[in-house]
Amino acid sequence: MDASTIIPNLVVGSFTVVLGILAMVFRRRLHATTAAFEHAIFGRRAAERLLRLQKPYWVGLAGFGTVVIGALMLFYGVVGLSQHSGG
């Protein structure tokens, strides 16, 4: 593993895990904010059509996926660090 990817994996992986957890915790508020922005940008009719497909569950699921990606980044950062230090 390339030594230049260790620190970015650890730093970005940590931020990714935190952002994913925040998305899961605040999924209803994030969903409502997104729906309000869509209403302002696309208009009432288009926003209502989009809203039928969107639920807070999907925001939480995307947050979970983000946590998994961040955990993988942290895992590869730790593996790279242990290989680089000779362990």
Protein backbone atom coordinates (compact mmCIF):
# COMPACT_ATOMS: atom_id res chain seq x y z
CA MET A 1 0.00 0.00 0.00
CA ASP A 2 1.27 3.44 -0.89
CA ALA A 3 2.35 5.45 2.15
CA SER A 4 0.89 8.66 0.70
CA THR A 5 -2.68 7.32 1.09
CA ILE A 6 -2.51 6.51 4.79
CA ILE A 7 -3.17 9.97 6.26
CA PRO A 8 -5.87 10.92 3.71
CA ASN A 9 -7.68 7.64 4.41
CA LEU A 10 -7.59 8.25 8.15
CA VAL A 11 -8.65 11.91 7.93
CA VAL A 12 -11.30 11.64 5.22
CA GLY A 13 -12.55 8.34 6.64
CA SER A 14 -13.11 9.96 10.04
CA PHE A 15 -15.04 12.86 8.50
CA THR A 16 -17.06 10.45 6.36
CA VAL A 17 -18.10 8.36 9.37
CA VAL A 18 -19.13 11.47 11.30
CA LEU A 19 -21.11 12.88 8.35
CA GLY A 20 -22.85 9.54 7.83
CA ILE A 21 -23.83 9.35 11.49
CA LEU A 22 -25.15 12.91 11.35
CA ALA A 23 -27.19 12.06 8.24
CA MET A 24 -28.73 9.08 10.04
CA VAL A 25 -29.49 11.01 13.22
CA PHE A 26 -30.96 14.06 11.47
CA ARG A 27 -32.55 12.21 8.53
CA ARG A 28 -36.03 13.71 9.03
CA ARG A 29 -34.75 17.27 9.22
CA LEU A 30 -32.43 16.70 6.26
CA HIS A 31 -35.33 15.23 4.27
CA ALA A 32 -37.57 18.19 5.10
CA THR A 33 -34.84 20.68 4.15
CA THR A 34 -34.23 18.91 0.85
CA ALA A 35 -37.96 18.87 0.11
CA ALA A 36 -38.19 22.61 0.82
CA PHE A 37 -35.26 23.35 -1.52
CA GLU A 38 -36.83 21.21 -4.25
CA HIS A 39 -40.09 23.07 -3.81
CA ALA A 40 -38.29 26.40 -4.17
CA ILE A 41 -36.24 25.32 -7.18
CA PHE A 42 -38.64 23.13 -9.18
CA GLY A 43 -42.04 24.42 -8.13
CA ARG A 44 -44.92 22.84 -6.27
CA ARG A 45 -46.01 20.19 -8.79
CA ALA A 46 -42.55 18.84 -9.54
CA ALA A 47 -41.60 18.88 -5.86
CA GLU A 48 -44.73 16.89 -4.96
CA ARG A 49 -43.86 14.28 -7.60
CA LEU A 50 -40.32 14.02 -6.27
CA LEU A 51 -41.55 13.84 -2.69
CA ARG A 52 -43.63 10.74 -3.44
CA LEU A 53 -40.41 8.84 -4.15
CA GLN A 54 -38.42 10.24 -1.26
CA LYS A 55 -38.72 9.18 2.36
CA PRO A 56 -36.54 9.85 5.42
CA TYR A 57 -35.71 6.13 5.40
CA TRP A 58 -33.67 6.55 2.22
CA VAL A 59 -31.75 9.45 3.73
CA GLY A 60 -30.89 7.23 6.70
CA LEU A 61 -29.87 4.40 4.40
CA ALA A 62 -27.58 6.75 2.47
CA GLY A 63 -26.10 7.83 5.81
CA PHE A 64 -25.48 4.19 6.70
CA GLY A 65 -23.74 3.64 3.37
CA THR A 66 -21.60 6.69 4.06
CA VAL A 67 -20.61 5.25 7.45
CA VAL A 68 -19.64 1.95 5.81
CA ILE A 69 -17.49 3.73 3.22
CA GLY A 70 -15.82 5.79 5.96
CA ALA A 71 -15.19 2.67 8.03
CA LEU A 72 -13.55 0.99 5.04
CA MET A 73 -11.35 4.04 4.54
CA LEU A 74 -10.34 3.94 8.20
CA PHE A 75 -9.67 0.21 7.96
CA TYR A 76 -7.40 0.62 4.94
CA GLY A 77 -5.66 3.55 6.61
CA VAL A 78 -4.93 1.49 9.72
CA VAL A 79 -3.79 -1.48 7.62
CA GLY A 80 -1.49 0.78 5.62
CA LEU A 81 -0.13 2.33 8.79
CA SER A 82 0.60 -1.07 10.31
CA GLN A 83 2.30 -2.25 7.10
CA HIS A 84 4.32 0.95 6.83
CA SER A 85 5.50 0.74 10.44
CA GLY A 86 6.63 -2.85 9.91
CA GLY A 87 3.90 -4.53 11.93
